[in-house]
Amino acid sequence: MSFFTLIILAVALGTDAFSLSLGIGMAGVNRKQMLIISITVLVFHIFMPLVGWYTGELAGNLLGRAASFIGSALLIYLGCRMIWDSRRREAGIKVYKFNAWGLILLGVSVSMDALSVGFTLGAQQVNLLWTAATIGLVAGIMTSAGLVCGRFMSSLVGERAQFLGGVILVGIGVKLFF
């Protein structure tokens, strides 16, 4: 696999993380949360191809389906909560907090496609660690970019940004569910 092909693959795998982080950024995150979320996504995008490589297709299909439902439900919940809060929002910026389980589910939900890529990497003659590290780095950068863009859009759009961010999260959650 050429480096150019690897970058294209990594960008394709990072698009879910980018669009999800765009919605989260609109809801309101501080710099520390941006760093934690970006690192979480980066780590999961490294870890999941490795898991896919080692677990095999059967285990991946079972885990992938369950994790997909859980991740979808989490996104839909977060999106609905953001929409609800935007309707009864007091003045000021609301910053959402993510606990450890929320971060894990976030990481799993946006890196499920990287798990399936891990299965196919076994058939290719690639350096698995280099490939997984590249995928993770690109996903982390795309997550950071989405969070920054979301914060910027939030300041431009104003109070409607939280509602729009919630709609984006619900949309991604529904897409992942089906």
Foldseek 3Di string as FASTA:
>chain_A
DDPVVLLVVLVVLQPLLLLLLLLLLLLAADPVVLLVLLLLLLVLLLPQLVCLQPVDDVVLVVVLLVLLLVLLVLLLVQLVVLQVCLVVPDPDHDHDDADPVRSNSPNCNSNSVSNNVSNVVNVPPDDSNVSSNSSSVSNSVSNSVSSVNSNVVNVVVPSCSSNVSSVSSNVSSVVSND
